[in-house]
Amino acid sequence: MKPLNTKAKLVSGWTILMTVIGTAILHQWQFFALGCASLALILVANQYGLIKDNTDQTKK
């Protein structure tokens, strides 16, 4: 698996934070499942290079 770029790290961190807070406040496991699905999609998008970051210096 490719390492997360800067934007993917930011998006992942925000998604985890909102998932934990939302699940704790709302007490709905559907919110937790949606957060897990979102993280899976972020990882897949990062693997295929779909998350672009202007600060990344890697050129293909």
N, C-alpha and C. Protein backbone atom coordinates (compact mmCIF):
# COMPACT_ATOMS: atom_id res chain seq x y z
N MET A 1 0.84 -1.17 0.00
CA MET A 1 0.00 0.00 0.00
C MET A 1 0.89 1.24 0.00
N LYS A 2 0.48 2.23 -0.77
CA LYS A 2 1.24 3.47 -0.85
C LYS A 2 1.07 4.27 0.43
N PRO A 3 2.12 5.02 0.82
CA PRO A 3 1.96 5.88 2.00
C PRO A 3 0.98 7.01 1.69
N LEU A 4 0.31 7.48 2.72
CA LEU A 4 -0.66 8.55 2.55
C LEU A 4 0.05 9.87 2.26
N ASN A 5 -0.47 10.62 1.28
CA ASN A 5 0.10 11.94 1.05
C ASN A 5 -0.50 12.92 2.04
N THR A 6 -0.09 14.18 1.96
CA THR A 6 -0.49 15.17 2.95
C THR A 6 -2.00 15.37 2.97
N LYS A 7 -2.61 15.48 1.81
CA LYS A 7 -4.06 15.71 1.76
C LYS A 7 -4.83 14.49 2.25
N ALA A 8 -4.35 13.30 1.93
CA ALA A 8 -5.02 12.08 2.41
C ALA A 8 -4.93 11.96 3.92
N LYS A 9 -3.80 12.37 4.51
CA LYS A 9 -3.68 12.36 5.97
C LYS A 9 -4.66 13.32 6.60
N LEU A 10 -4.79 14.51 6.01
CA LEU A 10 -5.72 15.51 6.54
C LEU A 10 -7.16 15.01 6.45
N VAL A 11 -7.53 14.46 5.31
CA VAL A 11 -8.90 13.97 5.12
C VAL A 11 -9.17 12.78 6.05
N SER A 12 -8.22 11.89 6.20
CA SER A 12 -8.40 10.73 7.08
C SER A 12 -8.56 11.16 8.53
N GLY A 13 -7.72 12.08 8.96
CA GLY A 13 -7.80 12.56 10.34
C GLY A 13 -9.14 13.23 10.63
N TRP A 14 -9.59 14.06 9.70
CA TRP A 14 -10.87 14.74 9.87
C TRP A 14 -12.03 13.74 9.89
N THR A 15 -11.96 12.74 9.01
CA THR A 15 -13.02 11.73 8.95
C THR A 15 -13.07 10.92 10.24
N ILE A 16 -11.92 10.53 10.75
CA ILE A 16 -11.87 9.79 12.01
C ILE A 16 -12.42 10.63 13.15
N LEU A 17 -12.01 11.88 13.21
CA LEU A 17 -12.50 12.77 14.28
C LEU A 17 -14.01 12.93 14.22
N MET A 18 -14.55 13.20 13.06
CA MET A 18 -16.00 13.40 12.92
C MET A 18 -16.77 12.09 13.18
N THR A 19 -16.18 10.95 12.80
CA THR A 19 -16.83 9.66 13.05
C THR A 19 -16.92 9.37 14.54
N VAL A 20 -15.83 9.59 15.24
CA VAL A 20 -15.81 9.32 16.69
C VAL A 20 -16.75 10.28 17.43
N ILE A 21 -16.67 11.56 17.10
CA ILE A 21 -17.52 12.54 17.78
C ILE A 21 -18.99 12.30 17.44
N GLY A 22 -19.29 12.08 16.16
CA GLY A 22 -20.67 11.85 15.74
C GLY A 22 -21.26 10.61 16.35
N THR A 23 -20.48 9.54 16.41
CA THR A 23 -20.98 8.30 17.00
C THR A 23 -21.20 8.47 18.51
N ALA A 24 -20.31 9.18 19.17
CA ALA A 24 -20.44 9.38 20.62
C ALA A 24 -21.65 10.25 20.95
N ILE A 25 -21.87 11.28 20.16
CA ILE A 25 -22.97 12.21 20.45
C ILE A 25 -24.31 11.63 20.03
N LEU A 26 -24.36 11.06 18.83
CA LEU A 26 -25.64 10.60 18.29
C LEU A 26 -26.02 9.18 18.71
N HIS A 27 -25.03 8.40 19.16
CA HIS A 27 -25.25 7.01 19.56
C HIS A 27 -25.91 6.21 18.43
N GLN A 28 -25.47 6.45 17.21
CA GLN A 28 -26.01 5.72 16.07
C GLN A 28 -24.87 4.99 15.37
N TRP A 29 -24.97 3.68 15.29
CA TRP A 29 -23.92 2.88 14.69
C TRP A 29 -23.88 3.04 13.18
N GLN A 30 -24.96 3.54 12.59
CA GLN A 30 -24.96 3.81 11.15
C GLN A 30 -23.93 4.90 10.83
N PHE A 31 -23.79 5.86 11.71
CA PHE A 31 -22.81 6.93 11.53
C PHE A 31 -21.40 6.35 11.55
N PHE A 32 -21.16 5.41 12.46
CA PHE A 32 -19.87 4.74 12.55
C PHE A 32 -19.58 3.94 11.28
N ALA A 33 -20.58 3.23 10.79
CA ALA A 33 -20.40 2.43 9.56
C ALA A 33 -20.11 3.33 8.37
N LEU A 34 -20.77 4.48 8.29
CA LEU A 34 -20.51 5.42 7.20
C LEU A 34 -19.09 5.96 7.28
N GLY A 35 -18.62 6.24 8.49
CA GLY A 35 -17.25 6.71 8.67
C GLY A 35 -16.23 5.67 8.25
N CYS A 36 -16.49 4.40 8.58
CA CYS A 36 -15.58 3.32 8.18
C CYS A 36 -15.56 3.15 6.66
N ALA A 37 -16.73 3.26 6.04
CA ALA A 37 -16.80 3.16 4.58
C ALA A 37 -16.06 4.33 3.94
N SER A 38 -16.17 5.51 4.52
CA SER A 38 -15.47 6.68 3.99
C SER A 38 -13.96 6.48 4.07
N LEU A 39 -13.48 5.95 5.19
CA LEU A 39 -12.05 5.70 5.33
C LEU A 39 -11.56 4.67 4.30
N ALA A 40 -12.36 3.65 4.06
CA ALA A 40 -11.99 2.65 3.06
C ALA A 40 -11.88 3.29 1.68
N LEU A 41 -12.82 4.16 1.34
CA LEU A 41 -12.76 4.84 0.04
C LEU A 41 -11.56 5.79 -0.05
N ILE A 42 -11.21 6.45 1.04
CA ILE A 42 -10.03 7.32 1.05
C ILE A 42 -8.77 6.51 0.79
N LEU A 43 -8.67 5.33 1.42
CA LEU A 43 -7.49 4.48 1.22
C LEU A 43 -7.40 3.97 -0.22
N VAL A 44 -8.54 3.60 -0.80
CA VAL A 44 -8.56 3.14 -2.19
C VAL A 44 -8.17 4.27 -3.13
N ALA A 45 -8.73 5.46 -2.89
CA ALA A 45 -8.40 6.61 -3.74
C ALA A 45 -6.93 6.97 -3.64
N ASN A 46 -6.35 6.88 -2.46
CA ASN A 46 -4.93 7.15 -2.30
C ASN A 46 -4.09 6.11 -3.02
N GLN A 47 -4.51 4.85 -2.97
CA GLN A 47 -3.77 3.78 -3.62
C GLN A 47 -3.68 4.00 -5.13
N TYR A 48 -4.76 4.49 -5.74
CA TYR A 48 -4.79 4.70 -7.18
C TYR A 48 -4.38 6.11 -7.58
N GLY A 49 -3.94 6.92 -6.64
CA GLY A 49 -3.45 8.25 -6.95
C GLY A 49 -4.53 9.25 -7.31
N LEU A 50 -5.72 9.07 -6.80
CA LEU A 50 -6.82 9.98 -7.13
C LEU A 50 -6.88 11.20 -6.22
N ILE A 51 -6.16 11.17 -5.12
CA ILE A 51 -6.13 12.32 -4.21
C ILE A 51 -4.88 13.13 -4.56
N LYS A 52 -5.10 14.28 -5.16
CA LYS A 52 -3.99 15.13 -5.59
C LYS A 52 -3.69 16.16 -4.51
N ASP A 53 -2.40 16.42 -4.33
CA ASP A 53 -1.97 17.42 -3.36
C ASP A 53 -0.92 18.30 -4.02
N ASN A 54 -1.10 19.59 -3.96
CA ASN A 54 -0.18 20.51 -4.61
C ASN A 54 1.19 20.54 -3.95
N THR A 55 1.28 20.17 -2.68
CA THR A 55 2.55 20.23 -1.97
C THR A 55 3.38 18.96 -2.18
N ASP A 56 2.80 17.92 -2.75
CA ASP A 56 3.57 16.70 -3.00
C ASP A 56 4.55 16.93 -4.13
N GLN A 57 5.75 16.45 -3.95
CA GLN A 57 6.80 16.65 -4.96
C GLN A 57 6.97 15.44 -5.87
N THR A 58 6.17 14.41 -5.68
CA THR A 58 6.31 13.21 -6.50
C THR A 58 5.67 13.45 -7.85
N LYS A 59 6.45 13.25 -8.89
CA LYS A 59 5.96 13.41 -10.27
C LYS A 59 5.99 12.06 -10.94
N LYS A 60 4.96 11.79 -11.73
CA LYS A 60 4.92 10.51 -12.45
C LYS A 60 4.97 10.78 -13.92
